[in-house]
């Protein structure tokens, strides 16, 4: 019997293996990129800034559809180049947990489209796709056909106190909830990526931007990962505020 050849959509994208493992997923046999991966590439390629504006706010008259425009500025060869994208979102084309956040989702989709043009990524971003998470397979490291964690409405981190264990991720060790032992390697790397990003924040404003990006990923992150990242963000905010208070006192 002749094995069925993979279609172009099913073939692994021509990115570095580490990037595919960290930032690519498959949906119904097609590869898509995560917003976090686009942002990662943009920073590596000279990201200067991202601006967004709302073109339409959701109302009953427009089907509760939010529309946003994004501009991504990249410095290339000493010149600033601008790339634009439009994103729309309504309760019918976003995942159920994000149905009340259509303004934010339209902004994320607009940024994703502008970023894809800026870093020359031809595949769609996961955040651009319509409602429904079925058929998503996380990265090459996930077992084929593995069931993905079910997403539910987020509870407050304080609602449950996790038992912590040491977990080696890459060349670093993290203290994480014991639930992490049931997650995939890809989930562990997602967690490590966001933790490093959170602790790299230099002030509360930068941390707020990171928190906003993290909330945009809430629908696709496993519940334990998202909740622990919220706790890490709260701890980082406390440290930054203490440092700011110390600087004001010294002055």
C-alpha atoms as a PDB file:
ATOM      1  CA  UNK A   1       0.000   0.000   0.000  1.00  0.00           C
ATOM      2  CA  UNK A   2       1.402   3.387  -0.988  1.00  0.00           C
ATOM      3  CA  UNK A   3       1.570   5.900   1.880  1.00  0.00           C
ATOM      4  CA  UNK A   4      -0.413   9.048   1.289  1.00  0.00           C
ATOM      5  CA  UNK A   5       1.898  12.009   0.713  1.00  0.00           C
ATOM      6  CA  UNK A   6       1.579  15.047   2.955  1.00  0.00           C
ATOM      7  CA  UNK A   7      -0.009  18.084   1.381  1.00  0.00           C
ATOM      8  CA  UNK A   8       1.831  21.394   1.393  1.00  0.00           C
ATOM      9  CA  UNK A   9      -0.326  22.614   4.289  1.00  0.00           C
ATOM     10  CA  UNK A  10       0.536  19.517   6.373  1.00  0.00           C
ATOM     11  CA  UNK A  11       4.302  19.737   5.831  1.00  0.00           C
ATOM     12  CA  UNK A  12       6.365  21.278   8.612  1.00  0.00           C
ATOM     13  CA  UNK A  13       6.937  24.992   7.883  1.00  0.00           C
ATOM     14  CA  UNK A  14      10.406  26.128   6.802  1.00  0.00           C
ATOM     15  CA  UNK A  15      11.329  27.708  10.133  1.00  0.00           C
ATOM     16  CA  UNK A  16      14.038  26.822  12.615  1.00  0.00           C
ATOM     17  CA  UNK A  17      13.047  23.654  14.569  1.00  0.00           C
ATOM     18  CA  UNK A  18      13.063  25.545  17.878  1.00  0.00           C
ATOM     19  CA  UNK A  19      10.653  28.139  16.483  1.00  0.00           C
ATOM     20  CA  UNK A  20       8.292  25.436  15.179  1.00  0.00           C
ATOM     21  CA  UNK A  21       8.384  23.674  18.544  1.00  0.00           C
ATOM     22  CA  UNK A  22       7.732  26.858  20.529  1.00  0.00           C
ATOM     23  CA  UNK A  23       5.389  28.867  18.337  1.00  0.00           C
ATOM     24  CA  UNK A  24       3.682  26.661  15.723  1.00  0.00           C
ATOM     25  CA  UNK A  25       0.592  24.469  16.075  1.00  0.00           C
ATOM     26  CA  UNK A  26      -1.491  22.398  13.679  1.00  0.00           C
ATOM     27  CA  UNK A  27      -5.192  22.931  13.198  1.00  0.00           C
ATOM     28  CA  UNK A  28      -7.114  20.383  11.135  1.00  0.00           C
ATOM     29  CA  UNK A  29      -3.881  19.421   9.373  1.00  0.00           C
ATOM     30  CA  UNK A  30      -2.763  22.984   8.663  1.00  0.00           C
ATOM     31  CA  UNK A  31       0.107  24.782  10.370  1.00  0.00           C
ATOM     32  CA  UNK A  32      -0.600  28.102  12.072  1.00  0.00           C
ATOM     33  CA  UNK A  33       1.641  30.450  14.051  1.00  0.00           C
ATOM     34  CA  UNK A  34       1.018  31.876  17.527  1.00  0.00           C
ATOM     35  CA  UNK A  35       0.896  35.630  18.095  1.00  0.00           C
ATOM     36  CA  UNK A  36       3.714  35.219  20.621  1.00  0.00           C
ATOM     37  CA  UNK A  37       5.884  33.753  17.883  1.00  0.00           C
ATOM     38  CA  UNK A  38       5.223  36.660  15.527  1.00  0.00           C
ATOM     39  CA  UNK A  39       6.118  39.090  18.291  1.00  0.00           C
ATOM     40  CA  UNK A  40       9.280  37.097  19.028  1.00  0.00           C
ATOM     41  CA  UNK A  41      10.378  37.274  15.380  1.00  0.00           C
ATOM     42  CA  UNK A  42       9.554  40.977  15.149  1.00  0.00           C
ATOM     43  CA  UNK A  43      11.759  41.803  18.132  1.00  0.00           C
ATOM     44  CA  UNK A  44      14.608  39.844  16.561  1.00  0.00           C
ATOM     45  CA  UNK A  45      14.188  41.730  13.277  1.00  0.00           C
ATOM     46  CA  UNK A  46      14.152  45.275  14.607  1.00  0.00           C
ATOM     47  CA  UNK A  47      10.672  45.975  15.977  1.00  0.00           C
ATOM     48  CA  UNK A  48      10.345  49.685  16.748  1.00  0.00           C
ATOM     49  CA  UNK A  49       6.733  49.795  17.858  1.00  0.00           C
ATOM     50  CA  UNK A  50       3.127  48.695  17.348  1.00  0.00           C
ATOM     51  CA  UNK A  51       0.196  51.114  17.173  1.00  0.00           C
ATOM     52  CA  UNK A  52      -3.488  50.212  17.089  1.00  0.00           C
ATOM     53  CA  UNK A  53      -6.722  52.098  16.577  1.00  0.00           C
ATOM     54  CA  UNK A  54     -10.350  51.036  16.722  1.00  0.00           C
ATOM     55  CA  UNK A  55     -12.240  51.504  13.469  1.00  0.00           C
ATOM     56  CA  UNK A  56     -15.516  50.152  14.817  1.00  0.00           C
ATOM     57  CA  UNK A  57     -16.767  49.323  18.296  1.00  0.00           C
ATOM     58  CA  UNK A  58     -19.246  46.449  18.725  1.00  0.00           C
ATOM     59  CA  UNK A  59     -22.936  47.387  18.868  1.00  0.00           C
ATOM     60  CA  UNK A  60     -26.209  45.577  18.290  1.00  0.00           C
ATOM     61  CA  UNK A  61     -26.524  47.330  14.922  1.00  0.00           C
ATOM     62  CA  UNK A  62     -23.267  45.867  13.558  1.00  0.00           C
ATOM     63  CA  UNK A  63     -23.639  42.352  14.943  1.00  0.00           C
ATOM     64  CA  UNK A  64     -21.376  43.166  17.910  1.00  0.00           C
ATOM     65  CA  UNK A  65     -18.422  43.268  15.531  1.00  0.00           C
ATOM     66  CA  UNK A  66     -15.266  45.089  16.560  1.00  0.00           C
ATOM     67  CA  UNK A  67     -12.794  46.172  13.874  1.00  0.00           C
ATOM     68  CA  UNK A  68      -9.269  47.375  14.560  1.00  0.00           C
ATOM     69  CA  UNK A  69      -6.278  48.522  12.525  1.00  0.00           C
ATOM     70  CA  UNK A  70      -2.675  47.883  13.549  1.00  0.00           C
ATOM     71  CA  UNK A  71       0.579  49.440  12.361  1.00  0.00           C
ATOM     72  CA  UNK A  72       3.870  47.644  12.939  1.00  0.00           C
ATOM     73  CA  UNK A  73       7.106  49.596  12.581  1.00  0.00           C
ATOM     74  CA  UNK A  74      10.293  47.655  11.773  1.00  0.00           C
ATOM     75  CA  UNK A  75      13.759  49.139  11.313  1.00  0.00           C
ATOM     76  CA  UNK A  76      15.437  47.623   8.264  1.00  0.00           C
ATOM     77  CA  UNK A  77      18.715  48.860   6.777  1.00  0.00           C
ATOM     78  CA  UNK A  78      18.509  52.042   8.834  1.00  0.00           C
ATOM     79  CA  UNK A  79      14.982  52.856   7.634  1.00  0.00           C
ATOM     80  CA  UNK A  80      11.640  52.504   9.420  1.00  0.00           C
ATOM     81  CA  UNK A  81       9.145  50.448   7.427  1.00  0.00           C
ATOM     82  CA  UNK A  82       5.460  50.345   8.351  1.00  0.00           C
ATOM     83  CA  UNK A  83       3.151  47.368   7.884  1.00  0.00           C
ATOM     84  CA  UNK A  84      -0.598  47.488   8.499  1.00  0.00           C
ATOM     85  CA  UNK A  85      -3.313  44.961   9.213  1.00  0.00           C
ATOM     86  CA  UNK A  86      -7.061  44.922   9.843  1.00  0.00           C
ATOM     87  CA  UNK A  87      -8.739  42.591  12.333  1.00  0.00           C
ATOM     88  CA  UNK A  88     -12.385  41.946  13.120  1.00  0.00           C
ATOM     89  CA  UNK A  89     -14.019  39.970  15.908  1.00  0.00           C
ATOM     90  CA  UNK A  90     -17.562  39.161  16.982  1.00  0.00           C
ATOM     91  CA  UNK A  91     -19.089  36.501  19.255  1.00  0.00           C
ATOM     92  CA  UNK A  92     -19.571  34.228  16.243  1.00  0.00           C
ATOM     93  CA  UNK A  93     -15.941  34.099  15.091  1.00  0.00           C
ATOM     94  CA  UNK A  94     -13.981  33.890  18.354  1.00  0.00           C
ATOM     95  CA  UNK A  95     -13.566  31.143  20.941  1.00  0.00           C
ATOM     96  CA  UNK A  96     -16.326  31.164  23.552  1.00  0.00           C
ATOM     97  CA  UNK A  97     -14.098  32.370  26.431  1.00  0.00           C
ATOM     98  CA  UNK A  98     -13.233  35.445  24.335  1.00  0.00           C
ATOM     99  CA  UNK A  99     -16.808  36.283  23.226  1.00  0.00           C
ATOM    100  CA  UNK A 100     -16.991  39.188  25.684  1.00  0.00           C
ATOM    101  CA  UNK A 101     -13.557  40.457  24.631  1.00  0.00           C
ATOM    102  CA  UNK A 102     -14.148  41.183  20.939  1.00  0.00           C
ATOM    103  CA  UNK A 103     -12.439  44.585  21.063  1.00  0.00           C
ATOM    104  CA  UNK A 104      -9.270  42.999  22.381  1.00  0.00           C
ATOM    105  CA  UNK A 105      -9.483  40.098  19.919  1.00  0.00           C
ATOM    106  CA  UNK A 106      -9.947  42.417  16.932  1.00  0.00           C
ATOM    107  CA  UNK A 107      -6.841  44.292  18.047  1.00  0.00           C
ATOM    108  CA  UNK A 108      -4.844  41.070  18.420  1.00  0.00           C
ATOM    109  CA  UNK A 109      -5.937  39.867  14.984  1.00  0.00           C
ATOM    110  CA  UNK A 110      -4.991  43.197  13.422  1.00  0.00           C
ATOM    111  CA  UNK A 111      -1.567  43.058  15.081  1.00  0.00           C
ATOM    112  CA  UNK A 112      -1.098  39.446  13.986  1.00  0.00           C
ATOM    113  CA  UNK A 113      -1.794  40.302  10.352  1.00  0.00           C
ATOM    114  CA  UNK A 114       0.501  43.323  10.386  1.00  0.00           C
ATOM    115  CA  UNK A 115       3.240  41.321  12.132  1.00  0.00           C
ATOM    116  CA  UNK A 116       2.954  38.491   9.587  1.00  0.00           C
ATOM    117  CA  UNK A 117       3.632  40.945   6.782  1.00  0.00           C
ATOM    118  CA  UNK A 118       6.450  42.581   8.736  1.00  0.00           C
ATOM    119  CA  UNK A 119       8.337  39.325   9.392  1.00  0.00           C
ATOM    120  CA  UNK A 120       7.310  37.591   6.130  1.00  0.00           C
ATOM    121  CA  UNK A 121       5.292  34.736   7.630  1.00  0.00           C
ATOM    122  CA  UNK A 122       2.796  33.357   5.134  1.00  0.00           C
ATOM    123  CA  UNK A 123       0.781  31.046   7.403  1.00  0.00           C
ATOM    124  CA  UNK A 124      -2.176  32.384   9.370  1.00  0.00           C
ATOM    125  CA  UNK A 125      -1.972  33.146  13.071  1.00  0.00           C
ATOM    126  CA  UNK A 126      -4.043  30.957  15.400  1.00  0.00           C
ATOM    127  CA  UNK A 127      -5.676  34.074  16.834  1.00  0.00           C
ATOM    128  CA  UNK A 128      -6.991  34.986  13.368  1.00  0.00           C
ATOM    129  CA  UNK A 129      -9.019  31.800  13.017  1.00  0.00           C
ATOM    130  CA  UNK A 130     -12.729  31.515  13.703  1.00  0.00           C
ATOM    131  CA  UNK A 131     -14.406  30.011  16.766  1.00  0.00           C
ATOM    132  CA  UNK A 132     -13.689  26.425  17.699  1.00  0.00           C
ATOM    133  CA  UNK A 133     -10.476  24.885  19.014  1.00  0.00           C
ATOM    134  CA  UNK A 134     -11.085  21.328  17.844  1.00  0.00           C
ATOM    135  CA  UNK A 135      -8.378  19.759  15.723  1.00  0.00           C
ATOM    136  CA  UNK A 136      -5.509  21.702  17.269  1.00  0.00           C
ATOM    137  CA  UNK A 137      -2.324  19.705  17.776  1.00  0.00           C
ATOM    138  CA  UNK A 138       0.421  21.434  19.702  1.00  0.00           C
ATOM    139  CA  UNK A 139       3.817  21.440  18.004  1.00  0.00           C
ATOM    140  CA  UNK A 140       5.926  18.476  16.832  1.00  0.00           C
ATOM    141  CA  UNK A 141       6.706  17.508  20.435  1.00  0.00           C
ATOM    142  CA  UNK A 142       3.064  16.722  21.268  1.00  0.00           C
ATOM    143  CA  UNK A 143       1.978  13.068  20.865  1.00  0.00           C
ATOM    144  CA  UNK A 144      -0.103  12.504  17.732  1.00  0.00           C
ATOM    145  CA  UNK A 145      -3.804  12.667  18.563  1.00  0.00           C
ATOM    146  CA  UNK A 146      -3.147  13.801  22.135  1.00  0.00           C
ATOM    147  CA  UNK A 147      -6.181  15.335  23.780  1.00  0.00           C
ATOM    148  CA  UNK A 148      -5.663  19.023  24.506  1.00  0.00           C
ATOM    149  CA  UNK A 149      -6.645  20.530  27.876  1.00  0.00           C
ATOM    150  CA  UNK A 150     -10.213  21.820  27.928  1.00  0.00           C
ATOM    151  CA  UNK A 151     -10.452  25.572  28.385  1.00  0.00           C
ATOM    152  CA  UNK A 152     -12.923  26.971  30.869  1.00  0.00           C
ATOM    153  CA  UNK A 153     -13.735  30.335  32.325  1.00  0.00           C
ATOM    154  CA  UNK A 154     -10.796  31.596  34.368  1.00  0.00           C
ATOM    155  CA  UNK A 155     -10.976  31.499  38.130  1.00  0.00           C
ATOM    156  CA  UNK A 156      -9.101  33.753  40.488  1.00  0.00           C
ATOM    157  CA  UNK A 157      -5.561  32.465  41.236  1.00  0.00           C
ATOM    158  CA  UNK A 158      -6.265  32.797  44.969  1.00  0.00           C
ATOM    159  CA  UNK A 159      -9.202  30.383  44.682  1.00  0.00           C
ATOM    160  CA  UNK A 160      -6.871  27.401  45.043  1.00  0.00           C
ATOM    161  CA  UNK A 161      -3.443  27.000  46.554  1.00  0.00           C
ATOM    162  CA  UNK A 162      -1.275  24.720  44.401  1.00  0.00           C
ATOM    163  CA  UNK A 163       1.339  22.275  45.621  1.00  0.00           C
ATOM    164  CA  UNK A 164       4.666  23.240  44.037  1.00  0.00           C
ATOM    165  CA  UNK A 165       7.319  20.967  42.574  1.00  0.00           C
ATOM    166  CA  UNK A 166      10.644  21.601  40.807  1.00  0.00           C
ATOM    167  CA  UNK A 167      10.497  21.232  37.020  1.00  0.00           C
ATOM    168  CA  UNK A 168      13.451  21.359  34.625  1.00  0.00           C
ATOM    169  CA  UNK A 169      12.606  23.248  31.432  1.00  0.00           C
ATOM    170  CA  UNK A 170      15.543  23.614  29.080  1.00  0.00           C
ATOM    171  CA  UNK A 171      18.570  24.678  31.102  1.00  0.00           C
ATOM    172  CA  UNK A 172      16.547  26.243  33.934  1.00  0.00           C
ATOM    173  CA  UNK A 173      14.576  24.912  36.872  1.00  0.00           C
ATOM    174  CA  UNK A 174      11.184  26.366  37.794  1.00  0.00           C
ATOM    175  CA  UNK A 175       8.930  25.973  40.818  1.00  0.00           C
ATOM    176  CA  UNK A 176       5.554  25.087  39.333  1.00  0.00           C
ATOM    177  CA  UNK A 177       2.215  23.614  40.469  1.00  0.00           C
ATOM    178  CA  UNK A 178       2.241  19.824  40.600  1.00  0.00           C
ATOM    179  CA  UNK A 179      -0.471  19.829  37.898  1.00  0.00           C
ATOM    180  CA  UNK A 180       2.267  20.753  35.411  1.00  0.00           C
ATOM    181  CA  UNK A 181       3.490  17.139  35.549  1.00  0.00           C
ATOM    182  CA  UNK A 182       0.386  16.157  33.544  1.00  0.00           C
ATOM    183  CA  UNK A 183       0.999  18.731  30.811  1.00  0.00           C
ATOM    184  CA  UNK A 184       2.966  18.365  27.591  1.00  0.00           C
ATOM    185  CA  UNK A 185       6.538  19.468  26.958  1.00  0.00           C
ATOM    186  CA  UNK A 186       5.142  22.161  24.694  1.00  0.00           C
ATOM    187  CA  UNK A 187       3.023  23.527  27.582  1.00  0.00           C
ATOM    188  CA  UNK A 188       6.145  23.625  29.769  1.00  0.00           C
ATOM    189  CA  UNK A 189       8.031  25.630  27.145  1.00  0.00           C
ATOM    190  CA  UNK A 190       5.085  28.015  26.738  1.00  0.00           C
ATOM    191  CA  UNK A 191       5.210  28.624  30.480  1.00  0.00           C
ATOM    192  CA  UNK A 192       8.969  29.230  30.487  1.00  0.00           C
ATOM    193  CA  UNK A 193       8.652  31.665  27.565  1.00  0.00           C
ATOM    194  CA  UNK A 194       6.068  33.805  29.350  1.00  0.00           C
ATOM    195  CA  UNK A 195       7.860  33.675  32.722  1.00  0.00           C
ATOM    196  CA  UNK A 196      11.086  34.987  31.184  1.00  0.00           C
ATOM    197  CA  UNK A 197       9.111  37.680  29.378  1.00  0.00           C
ATOM    198  CA  UNK A 198       7.338  38.751  32.583  1.00  0.00           C
ATOM    199  CA  UNK A 199      10.510  38.953  34.662  1.00  0.00           C
ATOM    200  CA  UNK A 200      12.283  40.883  31.904  1.00  0.00           C
ATOM    201  CA  UNK A 201       9.738  43.731  32.245  1.00  0.00           C
ATOM    202  CA  UNK A 202      11.570  46.868  33.378  1.00  0.00           C
ATOM    203  CA  UNK A 203       8.570  48.784  34.710  1.00  0.00           C
ATOM    204  CA  UNK A 204       4.862  48.428  35.485  1.00  0.00           C
ATOM    205  CA  UNK A 205       3.843  49.898  32.130  1.00  0.00           C
ATOM    206  CA  UNK A 206       5.850  47.308  30.184  1.00  0.00           C
ATOM    207  CA  UNK A 207       4.467  44.589  32.446  1.00  0.00           C
ATOM    208  CA  UNK A 208       0.954  45.802  31.658  1.00  0.00           C
ATOM    209  CA  UNK A 209       1.581  45.381  27.924  1.00  0.00           C
ATOM    210  CA  UNK A 210       2.859  41.847  28.533  1.00  0.00           C
ATOM    211  CA  UNK A 211      -0.200  41.085  30.673  1.00  0.00           C
ATOM    212  CA  UNK A 212      -2.430  42.277  27.834  1.00  0.00           C
ATOM    213  CA  UNK A 213      -0.679  39.969  25.357  1.00  0.00           C
ATOM    214  CA  UNK A 214      -0.986  37.117  27.863  1.00  0.00           C
ATOM    215  CA  UNK A 215      -4.735  37.678  28.251  1.00  0.00           C
ATOM    216  CA  UNK A 216      -5.042  37.374  24.474  1.00  0.00           C
ATOM    217  CA  UNK A 217      -3.573  33.867  24.796  1.00  0.00           C
ATOM    218  CA  UNK A 218      -5.912  32.848  27.636  1.00  0.00           C
ATOM    219  CA  UNK A 219      -8.176  30.779  25.388  1.00  0.00           C
ATOM    220  CA  UNK A 220      -5.360  28.514  24.175  1.00  0.00           C
ATOM    221  CA  UNK A 221      -3.223  28.171  27.317  1.00  0.00           C
ATOM    222  CA  UNK A 222      -4.001  25.305  29.717  1.00  0.00           C
ATOM    223  CA  UNK A 223      -5.721  26.524  32.885  1.00  0.00           C
ATOM    224  CA  UNK A 224      -2.804  25.671  35.271  1.00  0.00           C
ATOM    225  CA  UNK A 225      -0.319  27.496  33.030  1.00  0.00           C
ATOM    226  CA  UNK A 226      -2.454  30.613  32.737  1.00  0.00           C
ATOM    227  CA  UNK A 227      -3.197  30.755  36.470  1.00  0.00           C
ATOM    228  CA  UNK A 228       0.460  30.344  37.426  1.00  0.00           C
ATOM    229  CA  UNK A 229       1.506  33.031  34.946  1.00  0.00           C
ATOM    230  CA  UNK A 230      -1.011  35.386  36.563  1.00  0.00           C
ATOM    231  CA  UNK A 231       0.641  34.681  39.920  1.00  0.00           C
ATOM    232  CA  UNK A 232       4.097  35.297  38.442  1.00  0.00           C
ATOM    233  CA  UNK A 233       2.854  38.578  36.968  1.00  0.00           C
ATOM    234  CA  UNK A 234       1.477  39.677  40.331  1.00  0.00           C
ATOM    235  CA  UNK A 235       4.806  38.873  42.005  1.00  0.00           C
ATOM    236  CA  UNK A 236       6.732  40.803  39.356  1.00  0.00           C
ATOM    237  CA  UNK A 237       4.403  43.793  39.690  1.00  0.00           C
ATOM    238  CA  UNK A 238       4.950  43.830  43.434  1.00  0.00           C
ATOM    239  CA  UNK A 239       8.738  43.826  42.932  1.00  0.00           C
ATOM    240  CA  UNK A 240       8.581  46.634  40.381  1.00  0.00           C
ATOM    241  CA  UNK A 241       6.337  48.763  42.598  1.00  0.00           C
ATOM    242  CA  UNK A 242       8.632  48.216  45.598  1.00  0.00           C
ATOM    243  CA  UNK A 243      11.626  49.265  43.484  1.00  0.00           C
ATOM    244  CA  UNK A 244       9.781  52.370  42.273  1.00  0.00           C
ATOM    245  CA  UNK A 245       8.817  53.303  45.853  1.00  0.00           C
ATOM    246  CA  UNK A 246      12.460  52.844  46.927  1.00  0.00           C
ATOM    247  CA  UNK A 247      13.678  55.124  44.152  1.00  0.00           C
ATOM    248  CA  UNK A 248      11.170  57.818  45.122  1.00  0.00           C
ATOM    249  CA  UNK A 249      12.203  57.578  48.778  1.00  0.00           C
ATOM    250  CA  UNK A 250      15.891  57.833  47.860  1.00  0.00           C
ATOM    251  CA  UNK A 251      15.177  60.900  45.743  1.00  0.00           C
END
